[in-house]
Amino acid sequence: MTIWAAFFLICSLDECLAVGSPLFQSRAACEQAVQSQGVFMIGARWPKYKIVEWQCVGFNKKEV
């Protein structure tokens, strides 16, 4: 099973940060959530930062 999370690279005039999203069960759900909510949530939480890039990344369950 693969789980998905969005990662955003956001930058202000002084610095850049990488921030993540909650987990999703599919890439499509991740991408839809980013476009419908995530972009606005990033802007509200970090108003001095602009989104430079974002990507949904999949993680496979591994045995430990």
PDB file of N, CA and C in Angstrom:
ATOM      1  N   MET A   1       0.843  -1.184   0.000  1.00  0.00           N
ATOM      2  CA  MET A   1       0.000   0.000   0.000  1.00  0.00           C
ATOM      3  C   MET A   1       0.886   1.244   0.000  1.00  0.00           C
ATOM      4  N   THR A   2       0.529   2.202  -0.802  1.00  0.00           N
ATOM      5  CA  THR A   2       1.256   3.465  -0.864  1.00  0.00           C
ATOM      6  C   THR A   2       0.419   4.549  -0.208  1.00  0.00           C
ATOM      7  N   ILE A   3       1.053   5.363   0.629  1.00  0.00           N
ATOM      8  CA  ILE A   3       0.416   6.554   1.174  1.00  0.00           C
ATOM      9  C   ILE A   3       1.078   7.771   0.543  1.00  0.00           C
ATOM     10  N   TRP A   4       0.349   8.854   0.473  1.00  0.00           N
ATOM     11  CA  TRP A   4       0.815  10.040  -0.229  1.00  0.00           C
ATOM     12  C   TRP A   4       0.793  11.262   0.674  1.00  0.00           C
ATOM     13  N   ALA A   5       1.741  12.167   0.469  1.00  0.00           N
ATOM     14  CA  ALA A   5       1.792  13.444   1.180  1.00  0.00           C
ATOM     15  C   ALA A   5       2.299  14.497   0.211  1.00  0.00           C
ATOM     16  N   ALA A   6       1.831  15.720   0.394  1.00  0.00           N
ATOM     17  CA  ALA A   6       2.322  16.836  -0.414  1.00  0.00           C
ATOM     18  C   ALA A   6       3.434  17.539   0.347  1.00  0.00           C
ATOM     19  N   PHE A   7       4.454  17.919  -0.386  1.00  0.00           N
ATOM     20  CA  PHE A   7       5.538  18.721   0.172  1.00  0.00           C
ATOM     21  C   PHE A   7       5.617  20.013  -0.621  1.00  0.00           C
ATOM     22  N   PHE A   8       5.759  21.100   0.102  1.00  0.00           N
ATOM     23  CA  PHE A   8       5.814  22.427  -0.492  1.00  0.00           C
ATOM     24  C   PHE A   8       7.173  23.047  -0.200  1.00  0.00           C
ATOM     25  N   LEU A   9       7.772  23.668  -1.198  1.00  0.00           N
ATOM     26  CA  LEU A   9       8.937  24.518  -1.002  1.00  0.00           C
ATOM     27  C   LEU A   9       8.399  25.936  -1.017  1.00  0.00           C
ATOM     28  N   ILE A  10       8.525  26.631   0.130  1.00  0.00           N
ATOM     29  CA  ILE A  10       8.027  27.996   0.237  1.00  0.00           C
ATOM     30  C   ILE A  10       9.192  28.915   0.604  1.00  0.00           C
ATOM     31  N   CYS A  11       9.178  30.109   0.045  1.00  0.00           N
ATOM     32  CA  CYS A  11      10.278  31.043   0.293  1.00  0.00           C
ATOM     33  C   CYS A  11       9.752  32.438   0.597  1.00  0.00           C
ATOM     34  N   SER A  12      10.464  33.125   1.496  1.00  0.00           N
ATOM     35  CA  SER A  12      10.264  34.549   1.736  1.00  0.00           C
ATOM     36  C   SER A  12      11.463  35.255   1.121  1.00  0.00           C
ATOM     37  N   LEU A  13      11.598  36.523   1.386  1.00  0.00           N
ATOM     38  CA  LEU A  13      12.767  37.242   0.888  1.00  0.00           C
ATOM     39  C   LEU A  13      14.045  36.791   1.580  1.00  0.00           C
ATOM     40  N   ASP A  14      13.911  36.242   2.803  1.00  0.00           N
ATOM     41  CA  ASP A  14      15.078  35.906   3.622  1.00  0.00           C
ATOM     42  C   ASP A  14      15.420  34.427   3.702  1.00  0.00           C
ATOM     43  N   GLU A  15      14.431  33.554   3.557  1.00  0.00           N
ATOM     44  CA  GLU A  15      14.684  32.124   3.740  1.00  0.00           C
ATOM     45  C   GLU A  15      13.652  31.274   3.015  1.00  0.00           C
ATOM     46  N   CYS A  16      13.976  29.989   2.917  1.00  0.00           N
ATOM     47  CA  CYS A  16      13.054  29.009   2.336  1.00  0.00           C
ATOM     48  C   CYS A  16      12.792  27.904   3.353  1.00  0.00           C
ATOM     49  N   LEU A  17      11.618  27.319   3.273  1.00  0.00           N
ATOM     50  CA  LEU A  17      11.212  26.219   4.146  1.00  0.00           C
ATOM     51  C   LEU A  17      10.589  25.113   3.306  1.00  0.00           C
ATOM     52  N   ALA A  18      10.663  23.897   3.814  1.00  0.00           N
ATOM     53  CA  ALA A  18       9.909  22.776   3.253  1.00  0.00           C
ATOM     54  C   ALA A  18       8.845  22.413   4.277  1.00  0.00           C
ATOM     55  N   VAL A  19       7.596  22.348   3.837  1.00  0.00           N
ATOM     56  CA  VAL A  19       6.488  21.994   4.730  1.00  0.00           C
ATOM     57  C   VAL A  19       5.678  20.877   4.096  1.00  0.00           C
ATOM     58  N   GLY A  20       5.033  20.079   4.936  1.00  0.00           N
ATOM     59  CA  GLY A  20       4.288  18.931   4.455  1.00  0.00           C
ATOM     60  C   GLY A  20       2.813  19.000   4.790  1.00  0.00           C
ATOM     61  N   SER A  21       2.086  18.089   4.193  1.00  0.00           N
ATOM     62  CA  SER A  21       0.638  18.005   4.358  1.00  0.00           C
ATOM     63  C   SER A  21       0.280  16.774   5.187  1.00  0.00           C
ATOM     64  N   PRO A  22      -1.014  16.610   5.478  1.00  0.00           N
ATOM     65  CA  PRO A  22      -1.479  15.331   6.026  1.00  0.00           C
ATOM     66  C   PRO A  22      -1.292  14.228   4.981  1.00  0.00           C
ATOM     67  N   LEU A  23      -1.574  13.006   5.362  1.00  0.00           N
ATOM     68  CA  LEU A  23      -1.435  11.856   4.460  1.00  0.00           C
ATOM     69  C   LEU A  23      -2.725  11.596   3.689  1.00  0.00           C
ATOM     70  N   PHE A  24      -2.553  11.038   2.486  1.00  0.00           N
ATOM     71  CA  PHE A  24      -3.685  10.709   1.622  1.00  0.00           C
ATOM     72  C   PHE A  24      -3.546   9.277   1.134  1.00  0.00           C
ATOM     73  N   GLN A  25      -4.674   8.680   0.747  1.00  0.00           N
ATOM     74  CA  GLN A  25      -4.663   7.292   0.294  1.00  0.00           C
ATOM     75  C   GLN A  25      -4.337   7.143  -1.186  1.00  0.00           C
ATOM     76  N   SER A  26      -4.364   8.240  -1.945  1.00  0.00           N
ATOM     77  CA  SER A  26      -4.039   8.158  -3.368  1.00  0.00           C
ATOM     78  C   SER A  26      -3.365   9.441  -3.827  1.00  0.00           C
ATOM     79  N   ARG A  27      -2.642   9.333  -4.925  1.00  0.00           N
ATOM     80  CA  ARG A  27      -2.001  10.524  -5.500  1.00  0.00           C
ATOM     81  C   ARG A  27      -3.053  11.528  -5.960  1.00  0.00           C
ATOM     82  N   ALA A  28      -4.122  11.010  -6.556  1.00  0.00           N
ATOM     83  CA  ALA A  28      -5.190  11.892  -7.035  1.00  0.00           C
ATOM     84  C   ALA A  28      -5.806  12.688  -5.885  1.00  0.00           C
ATOM     85  N   ALA A  29      -6.034  12.033  -4.744  1.00  0.00           N
ATOM     86  CA  ALA A  29      -6.590  12.727  -3.583  1.00  0.00           C
ATOM     87  C   ALA A  29      -5.623  13.776  -3.064  1.00  0.00           C
ATOM     88  N   CYS A  30      -4.333  13.466  -3.064  1.00  0.00           N
ATOM     89  CA  CYS A  30      -3.313  14.412  -2.638  1.00  0.00           C
ATOM     90  C   CYS A  30      -3.317  15.646  -3.542  1.00  0.00           C
ATOM     91  N   GLU A  31      -3.270  15.431  -4.838  1.00  0.00           N
ATOM     92  CA  GLU A  31      -3.218  16.544  -5.780  1.00  0.00           C
ATOM     93  C   GLU A  31      -4.489  17.393  -5.727  1.00  0.00           C
ATOM     94  N   GLN A  32      -5.634  16.736  -5.575  1.00  0.00           N
ATOM     95  CA  GLN A  32      -6.894  17.472  -5.501  1.00  0.00           C
ATOM     96  C   GLN A  32      -6.943  18.323  -4.232  1.00  0.00           C
ATOM     97  N   ALA A  33      -6.488  17.767  -3.110  1.00  0.00           N
ATOM     98  CA  ALA A  33      -6.492  18.509  -1.848  1.00  0.00           C
ATOM     99  C   ALA A  33      -5.539  19.703  -1.890  1.00  0.00           C
ATOM    100  N   VAL A  34      -4.389  19.523  -2.515  1.00  0.00           N
ATOM    101  CA  VAL A  34      -3.446  20.637  -2.646  1.00  0.00           C
ATOM    102  C   VAL A  34      -4.095  21.776  -3.430  1.00  0.00           C
ATOM    103  N   GLN A  35      -4.703  21.447  -4.542  1.00  0.00           N
ATOM    104  CA  GLN A  35      -5.273  22.476  -5.411  1.00  0.00           C
ATOM    105  C   GLN A  35      -6.519  23.123  -4.814  1.00  0.00           C
ATOM    106  N   SER A  36      -7.303  22.363  -4.047  1.00  0.00           N
ATOM    107  CA  SER A  36      -8.544  22.925  -3.513  1.00  0.00           C
ATOM    108  C   SER A  36      -8.371  23.567  -2.136  1.00  0.00           C
ATOM    109  N   GLN A  37      -7.370  23.112  -1.346  1.00  0.00           N
ATOM    110  CA  GLN A  37      -7.223  23.619   0.018  1.00  0.00           C
ATOM    111  C   GLN A  37      -5.787  23.982   0.380  1.00  0.00           C
ATOM    112  N   GLY A  38      -4.856  23.153  -0.032  1.00  0.00           N
ATOM    113  CA  GLY A  38      -3.476  23.277   0.440  1.00  0.00           C
ATOM    114  C   GLY A  38      -2.819  24.597   0.117  1.00  0.00           C
ATOM    115  N   VAL A  39      -3.010  25.079  -1.095  1.00  0.00           N
ATOM    116  CA  VAL A  39      -2.396  26.343  -1.496  1.00  0.00           C
ATOM    117  C   VAL A  39      -2.902  27.472  -0.602  1.00  0.00           C
ATOM    118  N   PHE A  40      -4.184  27.482  -0.299  1.00  0.00           N
ATOM    119  CA  PHE A  40      -4.768  28.523   0.546  1.00  0.00           C
ATOM    120  C   PHE A  40      -4.306  28.389   1.997  1.00  0.00           C
ATOM    121  N   MET A  41      -4.177  27.150   2.477  1.00  0.00           N
ATOM    122  CA  MET A  41      -3.736  26.923   3.855  1.00  0.00           C
ATOM    123  C   MET A  41      -2.289  27.375   4.050  1.00  0.00           C
ATOM    124  N   ILE A  42      -1.436  27.120   3.066  1.00  0.00           N
ATOM    125  CA  ILE A  42      -0.047  27.566   3.143  1.00  0.00           C
ATOM    126  C   ILE A  42      -0.011  29.091   3.210  1.00  0.00           C
ATOM    127  N   GLY A  43      -0.772  29.752   2.352  1.00  0.00           N
ATOM    128  CA  GLY A  43      -0.816  31.213   2.350  1.00  0.00           C
ATOM    129  C   GLY A  43      -1.331  31.798   3.650  1.00  0.00           C
ATOM    130  N   ALA A  44      -2.294  31.123   4.274  1.00  0.00           N
ATOM    131  CA  ALA A  44      -2.844  31.615   5.540  1.00  0.00           C
ATOM    132  C   ALA A  44      -1.864  31.410   6.698  1.00  0.00           C
ATOM    133  N   ARG A  45      -1.183  30.287   6.696  1.00  0.00           N
ATOM    134  CA  ARG A  45      -0.272  29.986   7.809  1.00  0.00           C
ATOM    135  C   ARG A  45       1.068  30.706   7.680  1.00  0.00           C
ATOM    136  N   TRP A  46       1.550  30.860   6.463  1.00  0.00           N
ATOM    137  CA  TRP A  46       2.838  31.527   6.218  1.00  0.00           C
ATOM    138  C   TRP A  46       2.624  32.654   5.208  1.00  0.00           C
ATOM    139  N   PRO A  47       1.999  33.758   5.622  1.00  0.00           N
ATOM    140  CA  PRO A  47       1.626  34.812   4.668  1.00  0.00           C
ATOM    141  C   PRO A  47       2.808  35.531   4.010  1.00  0.00           C
ATOM    142  N   LYS A  48       3.974  35.499   4.616  1.00  0.00           N
ATOM    143  CA  LYS A  48       5.136  36.179   4.035  1.00  0.00           C
ATOM    144  C   LYS A  48       5.892  35.300   3.044  1.00  0.00           C
ATOM    145  N   TYR A  49       5.434  34.056   2.870  1.00  0.00           N
ATOM    146  CA  TYR A  49       6.107  33.099   1.991  1.00  0.00           C
ATOM    147  C   TYR A  49       5.291  32.865   0.727  1.00  0.00           C
ATOM    148  N   LYS A  50       5.965  32.576  -0.345  1.00  0.00           N
ATOM    149  CA  LYS A  50       5.333  32.205  -1.605  1.00  0.00           C
ATOM    150  C   LYS A  50       5.678  30.752  -1.913  1.00  0.00           C
ATOM    151  N   ILE A  51       4.745  30.021  -2.487  1.00  0.00           N
ATOM    152  CA  ILE A  51       5.009  28.639  -2.884  1.00  0.00           C
ATOM    153  C   ILE A  51       5.867  28.665  -4.144  1.00  0.00           C
ATOM    154  N   VAL A  52       7.036  28.057  -4.047  1.00  0.00           N
ATOM    155  CA  VAL A  52       7.942  27.968  -5.188  1.00  0.00           C
ATOM    156  C   VAL A  52       7.613  26.722  -6.002  1.00  0.00           C
ATOM    157  N   GLU A  53       7.345  25.636  -5.282  1.00  0.00           N
ATOM    158  CA  GLU A  53       7.027  24.370  -5.942  1.00  0.00           C
ATOM    159  C   GLU A  53       6.339  23.455  -4.942  1.00  0.00           C
ATOM    160  N   TRP A  54       5.556  22.524  -5.435  1.00  0.00           N
ATOM    161  CA  TRP A  54       4.974  21.492  -4.588  1.00  0.00           C
ATOM    162  C   TRP A  54       4.928  20.190  -5.372  1.00  0.00           C
ATOM    163  N   GLN A  55       4.873  19.107  -4.585  1.00  0.00           N
ATOM    164  CA  GLN A  55       4.848  17.785  -5.209  1.00  0.00           C
ATOM    165  C   GLN A  55       4.201  16.791  -4.254  1.00  0.00           C
ATOM    166  N   CYS A  56       3.383  15.902  -4.786  1.00  0.00           N
ATOM    167  CA  CYS A  56       2.850  14.790  -4.004  1.00  0.00           C
ATOM    168  C   CYS A  56       3.829  13.624  -4.117  1.00  0.00           C
ATOM    169  N   VAL A  57       4.191  13.066  -2.978  1.00  0.00           N
ATOM    170  CA  VAL A  57       5.195  12.010  -2.912  1.00  0.00           C
ATOM    171  C   VAL A  57       4.558  10.771  -2.282  1.00  0.00           C
ATOM    172  N   GLY A  58       4.823   9.619  -2.875  1.00  0.00           N
ATOM    173  CA  GLY A  58       4.298   8.364  -2.363  1.00  0.00           C
ATOM    174  C   GLY A  58       5.309   7.626  -1.516  1.00  0.00           C
ATOM    175  N   PHE A  59       4.825   6.999  -0.457  1.00  0.00           N
ATOM    176  CA  PHE A  59       5.650   6.201   0.445  1.00  0.00           C
ATOM    177  C   PHE A  59       5.054   4.803   0.525  1.00  0.00           C
ATOM    178  N   ASN A  60       5.880   3.796   0.336  1.00  0.00           N
ATOM    179  CA  ASN A  60       5.434   2.406   0.463  1.00  0.00           C
ATOM    180  C   ASN A  60       5.647   1.935   1.869  1.00  0.00           C
ATOM    181  N   LYS A  61       4.721   1.123   2.345  1.00  0.00           N
ATOM    182  CA  LYS A  61       4.835   0.558   3.680  1.00  0.00           C
ATOM    183  C   LYS A  61       6.015  -0.430   3.698  1.00  0.00           C
ATOM    184  N   LYS A  62       6.878  -0.279   4.673  1.00  0.00           N
ATOM    185  CA  LYS A  62       8.044  -1.172   4.793  1.00  0.00           C
ATOM    186  C   LYS A  62       8.000  -1.870   6.149  1.00  0.00           C
ATOM    187  N   GLU A  63       8.422  -3.094   6.129  1.00  0.00           N
ATOM    188  CA  GLU A  63       8.507  -3.856   7.376  1.00  0.00           C
ATOM    189  C   GLU A  63       9.735  -3.389   8.156  1.00  0.00           C
ATOM    190  N   VAL A  64       9.572  -3.267   9.459  1.00  0.00           N
ATOM    191  CA  VAL A  64      10.681  -2.847  10.318  1.00  0.00           C
ATOM    192  C   VAL A  64      11.111  -4.011  11.181  1.00  0.00           C
TER     193      VAL A  64
END
